């Protein structure tokens, strides 16, 4: 069996796909399959990828589908994957040449279902913006522990910085929610952790997340509302398992109110979205989560979110004036 399946969605990324492909070709351990999911790309992305891969010894496949979005492309990759482990690499990101070698080695040594590494955030020219993006582990922890740590930002597992036992994903029919445009990757990661018995890290920077000025996280858009819906969807699932009461409580008292705060911070920037923002904040369910907010630990950021949550629940228009005055 192939050790690892690397799944990479491709859609109109001709300006950056070469770096991604070369990082895969240069892996020190070549016992993997590289699945490129052509999501109806209309530029030269696939041509560039094919030209590079044909000259390599890499085991690769290009799978074409009509444009359906990154989640549907990742789901197609999961369906096609035959590796013992699965990893996801976006076409504008890249990995260290030892990624497969060290990650698989750690998984085998420890019999862990999920292995993650540290990663750096870089700009398009590879200048480092944030060197260390996560706190690593000294030993393995349970999947439930890891899920709570991920939700609480005690660890930060990104899409390009982990490998997952394929049986965990396929055996539990774990897929990305293609209805969501924001937060769906975090929910996938948390669910994968919840299905895992052992999670461990490789304490090195082995992946690189490229920050682009036009990314979804930067743009003011109603897509950010999906962050709220992603977490409330997760809440409905964990409610069915009595062993996940701690995670249920954390979602209600912190993560869902936090997601509402994020929506407020983004949509308040543009007056064209203020009507949608106030309609959202006026909903009974949203107000209920805002009132449920509790600080998990006392620090400046959490105090700010506490004040923001109360302001959004009781006087959102006044809060907006204060926000705009501070900008």
C-alpha atoms as a PDB file:
ATOM      1  CA  UNK A   1       0.000   0.000   0.000  1.00  0.00           C
ATOM      2  CA  UNK A   2       1.163   3.532  -0.772  1.00  0.00           C
ATOM      3  CA  UNK A   3       2.184   5.306   2.419  1.00  0.00           C
ATOM      4  CA  UNK A   4       0.546   8.691   1.818  1.00  0.00           C
ATOM      5  CA  UNK A   5      -1.956  10.253  -0.597  1.00  0.00           C
ATOM      6  CA  UNK A   6      -1.361  13.985  -1.178  1.00  0.00           C
ATOM      7  CA  UNK A   7      -4.584  15.703  -2.317  1.00  0.00           C
ATOM      8  CA  UNK A   8      -4.236  19.047  -4.098  1.00  0.00           C
ATOM      9  CA  UNK A   9      -7.228  20.925  -5.570  1.00  0.00           C
ATOM     10  CA  UNK A  10      -6.290  23.024  -8.611  1.00  0.00           C
ATOM     11  CA  UNK A  11      -8.258  26.018  -9.882  1.00  0.00           C
ATOM     12  CA  UNK A  12      -6.695  28.885 -11.854  1.00  0.00           C
ATOM     13  CA  UNK A  13      -3.393  29.042  -9.946  1.00  0.00           C
ATOM     14  CA  UNK A  14      -0.888  29.246 -12.799  1.00  0.00           C
ATOM     15  CA  UNK A  15       1.089  31.988 -11.025  1.00  0.00           C
ATOM     16  CA  UNK A  16       1.949  29.834  -8.011  1.00  0.00           C
ATOM     17  CA  UNK A  17       1.442  26.125  -8.751  1.00  0.00           C
ATOM     18  CA  UNK A  18       5.031  25.500  -9.862  1.00  0.00           C
ATOM     19  CA  UNK A  19       6.416  26.024  -6.354  1.00  0.00           C
ATOM     20  CA  UNK A  20       3.805  23.661  -4.896  1.00  0.00           C
ATOM     21  CA  UNK A  21       4.510  20.923  -7.477  1.00  0.00           C
ATOM     22  CA  UNK A  22       8.287  21.185  -7.066  1.00  0.00           C
ATOM     23  CA  UNK A  23       7.953  20.834  -3.288  1.00  0.00           C
ATOM     24  CA  UNK A  24       6.144  17.533  -3.863  1.00  0.00           C
ATOM     25  CA  UNK A  25       8.588  16.287  -6.511  1.00  0.00           C
ATOM     26  CA  UNK A  26      11.506  17.028  -4.146  1.00  0.00           C
ATOM     27  CA  UNK A  27      10.232  14.820  -1.313  1.00  0.00           C
ATOM     28  CA  UNK A  28      12.972  12.627   0.139  1.00  0.00           C
ATOM     29  CA  UNK A  29      10.492   9.760   0.591  1.00  0.00           C
ATOM     30  CA  UNK A  30       8.838   9.022  -2.755  1.00  0.00           C
ATOM     31  CA  UNK A  31       6.407   6.364  -1.478  1.00  0.00           C
ATOM     32  CA  UNK A  32       3.286   8.486  -1.995  1.00  0.00           C
ATOM     33  CA  UNK A  33       0.669   9.247  -4.617  1.00  0.00           C
ATOM     34  CA  UNK A  34      -0.015  12.805  -5.721  1.00  0.00           C
ATOM     35  CA  UNK A  35      -3.646  13.456  -6.644  1.00  0.00           C
ATOM     36  CA  UNK A  36      -4.290  16.733  -8.437  1.00  0.00           C
ATOM     37  CA  UNK A  37      -7.997  17.514  -8.599  1.00  0.00           C
ATOM     38  CA  UNK A  38      -8.571  19.789 -11.577  1.00  0.00           C
ATOM     39  CA  UNK A  39     -11.635  21.734 -10.423  1.00  0.00           C
ATOM     40  CA  UNK A  40     -12.519  23.015 -13.896  1.00  0.00           C
ATOM     41  CA  UNK A  41      -9.411  25.191 -14.102  1.00  0.00           C
ATOM     42  CA  UNK A  42      -9.413  27.536 -17.114  1.00  0.00           C
ATOM     43  CA  UNK A  43      -5.804  28.762 -17.107  1.00  0.00           C
ATOM     44  CA  UNK A  44      -2.462  26.959 -17.614  1.00  0.00           C
ATOM     45  CA  UNK A  45      -2.334  25.464 -14.095  1.00  0.00           C
ATOM     46  CA  UNK A  46      -2.765  21.836 -15.150  1.00  0.00           C
ATOM     47  CA  UNK A  47      -0.454  22.247 -18.148  1.00  0.00           C
ATOM     48  CA  UNK A  48       2.304  23.584 -15.877  1.00  0.00           C
ATOM     49  CA  UNK A  49       1.755  20.786 -13.351  1.00  0.00           C
ATOM     50  CA  UNK A  50       1.729  18.070 -16.015  1.00  0.00           C
ATOM     51  CA  UNK A  51       4.898  19.387 -17.657  1.00  0.00           C
ATOM     52  CA  UNK A  52       6.770  19.248 -14.341  1.00  0.00           C
ATOM     53  CA  UNK A  53       5.385  15.888 -13.234  1.00  0.00           C
ATOM     54  CA  UNK A  54       6.005  14.108 -16.560  1.00  0.00           C
ATOM     55  CA  UNK A  55       9.728  14.778 -16.112  1.00  0.00           C
ATOM     56  CA  UNK A  56       9.697  13.383 -12.558  1.00  0.00           C
ATOM     57  CA  UNK A  57       9.442   9.877 -11.104  1.00  0.00           C
ATOM     58  CA  UNK A  58       6.438  10.836  -8.967  1.00  0.00           C
ATOM     59  CA  UNK A  59       3.354   8.611  -8.848  1.00  0.00           C
ATOM     60  CA  UNK A  60       0.651  11.109  -9.766  1.00  0.00           C
ATOM     61  CA  UNK A  61      -2.850  11.315 -11.189  1.00  0.00           C
ATOM     62  CA  UNK A  62      -4.795  14.263 -12.553  1.00  0.00           C
ATOM     63  CA  UNK A  63      -8.526  13.941 -11.908  1.00  0.00           C
ATOM     64  CA  UNK A  64     -10.830  16.390 -13.672  1.00  0.00           C
ATOM     65  CA  UNK A  65     -14.226  17.554 -12.467  1.00  0.00           C
ATOM     66  CA  UNK A  66     -16.494  20.492 -13.288  1.00  0.00           C
ATOM     67  CA  UNK A  67     -15.907  23.521 -11.104  1.00  0.00           C
ATOM     68  CA  UNK A  68     -17.481  22.701  -7.727  1.00  0.00           C
ATOM     69  CA  UNK A  69     -15.239  24.426  -5.187  1.00  0.00           C
ATOM     70  CA  UNK A  70     -12.303  23.433  -3.010  1.00  0.00           C
ATOM     71  CA  UNK A  71     -14.335  21.272  -0.597  1.00  0.00           C
ATOM     72  CA  UNK A  72     -15.839  19.169  -3.382  1.00  0.00           C
ATOM     73  CA  UNK A  73     -12.341  18.812  -4.899  1.00  0.00           C
ATOM     74  CA  UNK A  74     -10.897  17.607  -1.585  1.00  0.00           C
ATOM     75  CA  UNK A  75     -13.817  15.174  -1.230  1.00  0.00           C
ATOM     76  CA  UNK A  76     -13.084  13.802  -4.698  1.00  0.00           C
ATOM     77  CA  UNK A  77      -9.477  13.317  -3.630  1.00  0.00           C
ATOM     78  CA  UNK A  78     -10.573  11.399  -0.525  1.00  0.00           C
ATOM     79  CA  UNK A  79     -12.720   9.145  -2.721  1.00  0.00           C
ATOM     80  CA  UNK A  80      -9.784   8.434  -5.063  1.00  0.00           C
ATOM     81  CA  UNK A  81      -7.057   8.111  -2.407  1.00  0.00           C
ATOM     82  CA  UNK A  82      -5.412   4.723  -1.869  1.00  0.00           C
ATOM     83  CA  UNK A  83      -2.716   5.701   0.652  1.00  0.00           C
ATOM     84  CA  UNK A  84      -2.466   4.523   4.237  1.00  0.00           C
ATOM     85  CA  UNK A  85      -2.498   8.195   5.264  1.00  0.00           C
ATOM     86  CA  UNK A  86      -4.050  11.238   3.600  1.00  0.00           C
ATOM     87  CA  UNK A  87      -2.753  14.801   3.574  1.00  0.00           C
ATOM     88  CA  UNK A  88      -4.071  17.970   1.946  1.00  0.00           C
ATOM     89  CA  UNK A  89      -1.897  20.534   0.191  1.00  0.00           C
ATOM     90  CA  UNK A  90      -3.436  23.612  -1.402  1.00  0.00           C
ATOM     91  CA  UNK A  91      -1.928  24.550  -4.750  1.00  0.00           C
ATOM     92  CA  UNK A  92      -0.562  27.886  -3.510  1.00  0.00           C
ATOM     93  CA  UNK A  93       1.127  26.368  -0.437  1.00  0.00           C
ATOM     94  CA  UNK A  94       4.228  24.173  -0.289  1.00  0.00           C
ATOM     95  CA  UNK A  95       6.001  21.684   1.966  1.00  0.00           C
ATOM     96  CA  UNK A  96       9.528  20.924   3.148  1.00  0.00           C
ATOM     97  CA  UNK A  97      11.330  18.167   1.227  1.00  0.00           C
ATOM     98  CA  UNK A  98      11.229  15.951   4.369  1.00  0.00           C
ATOM     99  CA  UNK A  99       7.495  16.327   5.006  1.00  0.00           C
ATOM    100  CA  UNK A 100       6.419  12.826   3.927  1.00  0.00           C
ATOM    101  CA  UNK A 101       9.504  11.156   5.393  1.00  0.00           C
ATOM    102  CA  UNK A 102       9.277  12.676   8.878  1.00  0.00           C
ATOM    103  CA  UNK A 103       5.495  12.722   9.188  1.00  0.00           C
ATOM    104  CA  UNK A 104       5.024   9.088   8.143  1.00  0.00           C
ATOM    105  CA  UNK A 105       7.982   7.989  10.270  1.00  0.00           C
ATOM    106  CA  UNK A 106       6.386   9.618  13.352  1.00  0.00           C
ATOM    107  CA  UNK A 107       2.998   8.038  12.563  1.00  0.00           C
ATOM    108  CA  UNK A 108       4.567   4.576  12.297  1.00  0.00           C
ATOM    109  CA  UNK A 109       6.713   4.945  15.419  1.00  0.00           C
ATOM    110  CA  UNK A 110       3.791   6.021  17.602  1.00  0.00           C
ATOM    111  CA  UNK A 111       0.810   4.316  15.889  1.00  0.00           C
ATOM    112  CA  UNK A 112      -0.915   7.708  15.765  1.00  0.00           C
ATOM    113  CA  UNK A 113      -3.929   8.414  13.563  1.00  0.00           C
ATOM    114  CA  UNK A 114      -3.083  12.113  13.182  1.00  0.00           C
ATOM    115  CA  UNK A 115       0.377  13.636  12.988  1.00  0.00           C
ATOM    116  CA  UNK A 116       0.823  17.394  12.632  1.00  0.00           C
ATOM    117  CA  UNK A 117       3.847  19.642  12.290  1.00  0.00           C
ATOM    118  CA  UNK A 118       4.648  23.294  12.790  1.00  0.00           C
ATOM    119  CA  UNK A 119       4.224  25.587   9.807  1.00  0.00           C
ATOM    120  CA  UNK A 120       5.155  29.129   8.815  1.00  0.00           C
ATOM    121  CA  UNK A 121       3.002  31.798   7.232  1.00  0.00           C
ATOM    122  CA  UNK A 122       4.813  33.427   4.312  1.00  0.00           C
ATOM    123  CA  UNK A 123       3.987  35.956   1.614  1.00  0.00           C
ATOM    124  CA  UNK A 124       4.050  35.258  -2.122  1.00  0.00           C
ATOM    125  CA  UNK A 125       7.809  35.983  -2.216  1.00  0.00           C
ATOM    126  CA  UNK A 126       8.454  33.471   0.623  1.00  0.00           C
ATOM    127  CA  UNK A 127       9.186  36.189   3.184  1.00  0.00           C
ATOM    128  CA  UNK A 128       8.268  34.848   6.616  1.00  0.00           C
ATOM    129  CA  UNK A 129       5.287  36.615   8.204  1.00  0.00           C
ATOM    130  CA  UNK A 130       4.785  34.238  11.145  1.00  0.00           C
ATOM    131  CA  UNK A 131       7.602  31.744  11.745  1.00  0.00           C
ATOM    132  CA  UNK A 132       5.998  29.310  14.210  1.00  0.00           C
ATOM    133  CA  UNK A 133       2.265  28.867  13.816  1.00  0.00           C
ATOM    134  CA  UNK A 134       1.579  26.190  16.434  1.00  0.00           C
ATOM    135  CA  UNK A 135       2.640  24.822  19.797  1.00  0.00           C
ATOM    136  CA  UNK A 136       4.010  21.318  19.396  1.00  0.00           C
ATOM    137  CA  UNK A 137       3.485  18.354  21.719  1.00  0.00           C
ATOM    138  CA  UNK A 138       6.053  16.614  23.906  1.00  0.00           C
ATOM    139  CA  UNK A 139       4.163  13.307  23.634  1.00  0.00           C
ATOM    140  CA  UNK A 140       0.998  11.941  22.063  1.00  0.00           C
ATOM    141  CA  UNK A 141      -2.421  12.989  23.392  1.00  0.00           C
ATOM    142  CA  UNK A 142      -5.923  11.646  22.799  1.00  0.00           C
ATOM    143  CA  UNK A 143      -7.995  12.848  19.864  1.00  0.00           C
ATOM    144  CA  UNK A 144     -10.546  14.455  22.196  1.00  0.00           C
ATOM    145  CA  UNK A 145      -7.780  16.380  23.989  1.00  0.00           C
ATOM    146  CA  UNK A 146      -6.390  17.470  20.637  1.00  0.00           C
ATOM    147  CA  UNK A 147      -9.824  18.575  19.375  1.00  0.00           C
ATOM    148  CA  UNK A 148     -10.316  20.817  22.411  1.00  0.00           C
ATOM    149  CA  UNK A 149      -6.796  22.211  22.053  1.00  0.00           C
ATOM    150  CA  UNK A 150      -7.418  22.912  18.360  1.00  0.00           C
ATOM    151  CA  UNK A 151     -10.681  24.739  19.118  1.00  0.00           C
ATOM    152  CA  UNK A 152      -8.957  26.730  21.868  1.00  0.00           C
ATOM    153  CA  UNK A 153      -5.927  27.595  19.683  1.00  0.00           C
ATOM    154  CA  UNK A 154      -3.583  25.752  22.067  1.00  0.00           C
ATOM    155  CA  UNK A 155      -2.457  23.923  18.943  1.00  0.00           C
ATOM    156  CA  UNK A 156      -3.013  25.077  15.375  1.00  0.00           C
ATOM    157  CA  UNK A 157      -3.350  22.332  12.784  1.00  0.00           C
ATOM    158  CA  UNK A 158      -3.682  23.752   9.283  1.00  0.00           C
ATOM    159  CA  UNK A 159      -4.786  22.054   6.080  1.00  0.00           C
ATOM    160  CA  UNK A 160      -1.213  21.686   4.867  1.00  0.00           C
ATOM    161  CA  UNK A 161       0.352  20.590   8.176  1.00  0.00           C
ATOM    162  CA  UNK A 162      -1.072  17.175   9.066  1.00  0.00           C
ATOM    163  CA  UNK A 163      -1.459  13.614   7.865  1.00  0.00           C
ATOM    164  CA  UNK A 164      -4.538  11.566   8.754  1.00  0.00           C
ATOM    165  CA  UNK A 165      -4.980   7.802   8.851  1.00  0.00           C
ATOM    166  CA  UNK A 166      -7.139   7.074   5.797  1.00  0.00           C
ATOM    167  CA  UNK A 167      -9.244   4.571   7.743  1.00  0.00           C
ATOM    168  CA  UNK A 168     -10.304   7.342  10.154  1.00  0.00           C
ATOM    169  CA  UNK A 169     -11.506   9.511   7.269  1.00  0.00           C
ATOM    170  CA  UNK A 170     -13.027   6.843   5.048  1.00  0.00           C
ATOM    171  CA  UNK A 171     -14.329   4.627   7.840  1.00  0.00           C
ATOM    172  CA  UNK A 172     -16.323   7.521   9.299  1.00  0.00           C
ATOM    173  CA  UNK A 173     -17.356   8.997   5.935  1.00  0.00           C
ATOM    174  CA  UNK A 174     -15.602  12.207   6.946  1.00  0.00           C
ATOM    175  CA  UNK A 175     -15.956  14.843   4.212  1.00  0.00           C
ATOM    176  CA  UNK A 176     -15.685  18.604   3.788  1.00  0.00           C
ATOM    177  CA  UNK A 177     -18.995  20.481   3.827  1.00  0.00           C
ATOM    178  CA  UNK A 178     -19.204  21.853   0.275  1.00  0.00           C
ATOM    179  CA  UNK A 179     -22.079  24.180   1.292  1.00  0.00           C
ATOM    180  CA  UNK A 180     -19.704  26.207   3.452  1.00  0.00           C
ATOM    181  CA  UNK A 181     -17.102  28.672   2.173  1.00  0.00           C
ATOM    182  CA  UNK A 182     -15.545  29.540   5.525  1.00  0.00           C
ATOM    183  CA  UNK A 183     -14.651  27.410   8.563  1.00  0.00           C
ATOM    184  CA  UNK A 184     -15.275  24.086   6.797  1.00  0.00           C
ATOM    185  CA  UNK A 185     -11.587  23.097   6.973  1.00  0.00           C
ATOM    186  CA  UNK A 186     -11.413  23.690  10.746  1.00  0.00           C
ATOM    187  CA  UNK A 187     -14.520  21.549  11.269  1.00  0.00           C
ATOM    188  CA  UNK A 188     -13.024  18.719   9.180  1.00  0.00           C
ATOM    189  CA  UNK A 189      -9.844  18.824  11.260  1.00  0.00           C
ATOM    190  CA  UNK A 190     -11.740  18.801  14.580  1.00  0.00           C
ATOM    191  CA  UNK A 191     -13.904  15.866  13.466  1.00  0.00           C
ATOM    192  CA  UNK A 192     -10.832  13.909  12.336  1.00  0.00           C
ATOM    193  CA  UNK A 193      -9.264  14.505  15.750  1.00  0.00           C
ATOM    194  CA  UNK A 194     -12.423  13.355  17.541  1.00  0.00           C
ATOM    195  CA  UNK A 195     -12.332  10.065  15.629  1.00  0.00           C
ATOM    196  CA  UNK A 196      -8.657   9.508  16.532  1.00  0.00           C
ATOM    197  CA  UNK A 197      -7.189   7.719  19.545  1.00  0.00           C
ATOM    198  CA  UNK A 198      -3.659   9.145  19.332  1.00  0.00           C
ATOM    199  CA  UNK A 199      -2.403  12.496  18.020  1.00  0.00           C
ATOM    200  CA  UNK A 200       1.228  13.597  17.994  1.00  0.00           C
ATOM    201  CA  UNK A 201       3.408  16.260  16.381  1.00  0.00           C
ATOM    202  CA  UNK A 202       6.691  16.484  14.517  1.00  0.00           C
ATOM    203  CA  UNK A 203       8.336  19.443  16.204  1.00  0.00           C
ATOM    204  CA  UNK A 204       9.715  21.072  13.081  1.00  0.00           C
ATOM    205  CA  UNK A 205       8.493  23.555  10.482  1.00  0.00           C
ATOM    206  CA  UNK A 206       7.638  21.342   7.510  1.00  0.00           C
ATOM    207  CA  UNK A 207       4.893  23.313   5.749  1.00  0.00           C
ATOM    208  CA  UNK A 208       4.378  26.819   4.421  1.00  0.00           C
ATOM    209  CA  UNK A 209       1.052  28.658   4.200  1.00  0.00           C
ATOM    210  CA  UNK A 210       1.135  31.431   1.622  1.00  0.00           C
ATOM    211  CA  UNK A 211      -0.899  34.512   2.568  1.00  0.00           C
ATOM    212  CA  UNK A 212      -2.366  36.306  -0.451  1.00  0.00           C
ATOM    213  CA  UNK A 213      -3.964  39.745  -0.347  1.00  0.00           C
ATOM    214  CA  UNK A 214      -7.146  38.433  -2.007  1.00  0.00           C
ATOM    215  CA  UNK A 215      -7.783  35.437   0.262  1.00  0.00           C
ATOM    216  CA  UNK A 216     -11.282  34.773   1.649  1.00  0.00           C
ATOM    217  CA  UNK A 217     -10.061  35.615   5.146  1.00  0.00           C
ATOM    218  CA  UNK A 218      -9.063  39.120   3.985  1.00  0.00           C
ATOM    219  CA  UNK A 219     -12.187  40.071   2.000  1.00  0.00           C
ATOM    220  CA  UNK A 220     -15.383  41.571   3.418  1.00  0.00           C
ATOM    221  CA  UNK A 221     -18.040  39.081   2.348  1.00  0.00           C
ATOM    222  CA  UNK A 222     -21.139  37.293   3.652  1.00  0.00           C
ATOM    223  CA  UNK A 223     -19.096  34.083   3.284  1.00  0.00           C
ATOM    224  CA  UNK A 224     -17.799  34.847   6.782  1.00  0.00           C
ATOM    225  CA  UNK A 225     -21.257  33.964   8.143  1.00  0.00           C
ATOM    226  CA  UNK A 226     -20.357  30.356   7.317  1.00  0.00           C
ATOM    227  CA  UNK A 227     -17.927  30.406  10.251  1.00  0.00           C
ATOM    228  CA  UNK A 228     -20.916  30.623  12.590  1.00  0.00           C
ATOM    229  CA  UNK A 229     -22.888  27.947  10.752  1.00  0.00           C
ATOM    230  CA  UNK A 230     -19.880  25.610  10.626  1.00  0.00           C
ATOM    231  CA  UNK A 231     -19.492  25.735  14.403  1.00  0.00           C
ATOM    232  CA  UNK A 232     -23.222  25.389  15.111  1.00  0.00           C
ATOM    233  CA  UNK A 233     -23.266  22.349  12.785  1.00  0.00           C
ATOM    234  CA  UNK A 234     -20.385  20.875  14.796  1.00  0.00           C
ATOM    235  CA  UNK A 235     -22.271  21.595  18.033  1.00  0.00           C
ATOM    236  CA  UNK A 236     -25.282  19.609  16.829  1.00  0.00           C
ATOM    237  CA  UNK A 237     -23.000  16.631  16.154  1.00  0.00           C
ATOM    238  CA  UNK A 238     -21.112  16.670  19.461  1.00  0.00           C
ATOM    239  CA  UNK A 239     -24.392  16.991  21.390  1.00  0.00           C
ATOM    240  CA  UNK A 240     -25.174  13.396  20.425  1.00  0.00           C
ATOM    241  CA  UNK A 241     -22.105  12.053  22.282  1.00  0.00           C
ATOM    242  CA  UNK A 242     -22.163  12.323  26.088  1.00  0.00           C
ATOM    243  CA  UNK A 243     -18.369  11.927  26.223  1.00  0.00           C
ATOM    244  CA  UNK A 244     -17.996  15.264  24.399  1.00  0.00           C
ATOM    245  CA  UNK A 245     -19.743  17.457  27.019  1.00  0.00           C
ATOM    246  CA  UNK A 246     -16.577  19.498  27.577  1.00  0.00           C
ATOM    247  CA  UNK A 247     -16.331  20.303  23.868  1.00  0.00           C
ATOM    248  CA  UNK A 248     -20.075  21.073  23.708  1.00  0.00           C
ATOM    249  CA  UNK A 249     -19.676  23.522  26.618  1.00  0.00           C
ATOM    250  CA  UNK A 250     -16.615  25.127  25.023  1.00  0.00           C
ATOM    251  CA  UNK A 251     -18.427  25.636  21.717  1.00  0.00           C
ATOM    252  CA  UNK A 252     -21.422  27.280  23.424  1.00  0.00           C
ATOM    253  CA  UNK A 253     -19.474  29.447  25.856  1.00  0.00           C
ATOM    254  CA  UNK A 254     -16.570  30.472  23.676  1.00  0.00           C
ATOM    255  CA  UNK A 255     -16.074  29.275  20.115  1.00  0.00           C
ATOM    256  CA  UNK A 256     -19.509  30.144  18.687  1.00  0.00           C
ATOM    257  CA  UNK A 257     -19.598  33.610  20.346  1.00  0.00           C
ATOM    258  CA  UNK A 258     -16.016  34.087  19.103  1.00  0.00           C
ATOM    259  CA  UNK A 259     -17.146  33.273  15.546  1.00  0.00           C
ATOM    260  CA  UNK A 260     -19.886  35.925  15.867  1.00  0.00           C
ATOM    261  CA  UNK A 261     -17.250  38.435  17.009  1.00  0.00           C
ATOM    262  CA  UNK A 262     -15.195  37.614  13.926  1.00  0.00           C
ATOM    263  CA  UNK A 263     -18.236  38.216  11.699  1.00  0.00           C
ATOM    264  CA  UNK A 264     -18.841  41.571  13.410  1.00  0.00           C
ATOM    265  CA  UNK A 265     -15.184  42.600  13.011  1.00  0.00           C
ATOM    266  CA  UNK A 266     -15.225  41.799   9.274  1.00  0.00           C
ATOM    267  CA  UNK A 267     -18.695  42.990   8.197  1.00  0.00           C
ATOM    268  CA  UNK A 268     -18.503  46.197  10.240  1.00  0.00           C
ATOM    269  CA  UNK A 269     -15.682  47.374   7.953  1.00  0.00           C
ATOM    270  CA  UNK A 270     -18.049  47.976   5.017  1.00  0.00           C
ATOM    271  CA  UNK A 271     -21.323  49.919   5.349  1.00  0.00           C
ATOM    272  CA  UNK A 272     -22.769  47.871   2.455  1.00  0.00           C
ATOM    273  CA  UNK A 273     -22.940  44.917   4.863  1.00  0.00           C
ATOM    274  CA  UNK A 274     -24.288  46.690   7.963  1.00  0.00           C
ATOM    275  CA  UNK A 275     -27.940  45.795   7.255  1.00  0.00           C
ATOM    276  CA  UNK A 276     -27.026  42.088   6.908  1.00  0.00           C
ATOM    277  CA  UNK A 277     -24.894  42.317  10.047  1.00  0.00           C
ATOM    278  CA  UNK A 278     -27.671  43.779  12.208  1.00  0.00           C
ATOM    279  CA  UNK A 279     -30.202  41.268  10.882  1.00  0.00           C
ATOM    280  CA  UNK A 280     -27.811  38.471  11.833  1.00  0.00           C
ATOM    281  CA  UNK A 281     -27.125  39.887  15.311  1.00  0.00           C
ATOM    282  CA  UNK A 282     -30.843  40.359  15.958  1.00  0.00           C
ATOM    283  CA  UNK A 283     -31.578  36.637  15.583  1.00  0.00           C
ATOM    284  CA  UNK A 284     -32.665  34.832  18.753  1.00  0.00           C
ATOM    285  CA  UNK A 285     -30.083  32.037  18.386  1.00  0.00           C
ATOM    286  CA  UNK A 286     -27.242  34.493  17.825  1.00  0.00           C
ATOM    287  CA  UNK A 287     -28.233  36.626  20.827  1.00  0.00           C
ATOM    288  CA  UNK A 288     -28.410  33.478  22.952  1.00  0.00           C
ATOM    289  CA  UNK A 289     -24.843  32.477  22.107  1.00  0.00           C
ATOM    290  CA  UNK A 290     -23.572  36.018  22.725  1.00  0.00           C
ATOM    291  CA  UNK A 291     -25.146  36.033  26.189  1.00  0.00           C
ATOM    292  CA  UNK A 292     -23.586  32.625  26.906  1.00  0.00           C
ATOM    293  CA  UNK A 293     -20.025  33.876  26.275  1.00  0.00           C
ATOM    294  CA  UNK A 294     -17.552  33.212  29.093  1.00  0.00           C
ATOM    295  CA  UNK A 295     -13.867  34.071  29.202  1.00  0.00           C
ATOM    296  CA  UNK A 296     -11.831  30.852  29.236  1.00  0.00           C
ATOM    297  CA  UNK A 297      -8.749  32.625  30.548  1.00  0.00           C
ATOM    298  CA  UNK A 298      -8.202  36.241  31.529  1.00  0.00           C
ATOM    299  CA  UNK A 299      -6.132  38.189  29.023  1.00  0.00           C
ATOM    300  CA  UNK A 300      -6.454  41.356  26.955  1.00  0.00           C
ATOM    301  CA  UNK A 301      -7.860  39.604  23.856  1.00  0.00           C
ATOM    302  CA  UNK A 302     -10.483  37.610  25.758  1.00  0.00           C
ATOM    303  CA  UNK A 303     -11.535  40.711  27.696  1.00  0.00           C
ATOM    304  CA  UNK A 304     -12.009  42.502  24.378  1.00  0.00           C
ATOM    305  CA  UNK A 305     -14.155  39.632  23.039  1.00  0.00           C
ATOM    306  CA  UNK A 306     -16.190  39.599  26.281  1.00  0.00           C
ATOM    307  CA  UNK A 307     -16.958  43.322  25.938  1.00  0.00           C
ATOM    308  CA  UNK A 308     -17.661  42.865  22.244  1.00  0.00           C
ATOM    309  CA  UNK A 309     -20.042  39.936  22.891  1.00  0.00           C
ATOM    310  CA  UNK A 310     -22.062  41.956  25.416  1.00  0.00           C
ATOM    311  CA  UNK A 311     -22.083  44.963  23.100  1.00  0.00           C
ATOM    312  CA  UNK A 312     -23.301  42.888  20.147  1.00  0.00           C
ATOM    313  CA  UNK A 313     -26.046  41.320  22.285  1.00  0.00           C
ATOM    314  CA  UNK A 314     -27.418  44.532  23.802  1.00  0.00           C
ATOM    315  CA  UNK A 315     -26.330  47.582  21.763  1.00  0.00           C
ATOM    316  CA  UNK A 316     -24.797  46.545  18.393  1.00  0.00           C
ATOM    317  CA  UNK A 317     -25.265  49.944  16.705  1.00  0.00           C
ATOM    318  CA  UNK A 318     -23.426  51.745  19.498  1.00  0.00           C
ATOM    319  CA  UNK A 319     -20.659  49.131  19.334  1.00  0.00           C
ATOM    320  CA  UNK A 320     -20.356  49.703  15.593  1.00  0.00           C
ATOM    321  CA  UNK A 321     -19.912  53.460  16.144  1.00  0.00           C
ATOM    322  CA  UNK A 322     -17.191  52.774  18.704  1.00  0.00           C
ATOM    323  CA  UNK A 323     -15.455  50.298  16.350  1.00  0.00           C
ATOM    324  CA  UNK A 324     -15.530  52.742  13.453  1.00  0.00           C
ATOM    325  CA  UNK A 325     -14.222  55.497  15.694  1.00  0.00           C
ATOM    326  CA  UNK A 326     -11.227  53.353  16.682  1.00  0.00           C
ATOM    327  CA  UNK A 327     -10.336  52.442  13.077  1.00  0.00           C
END
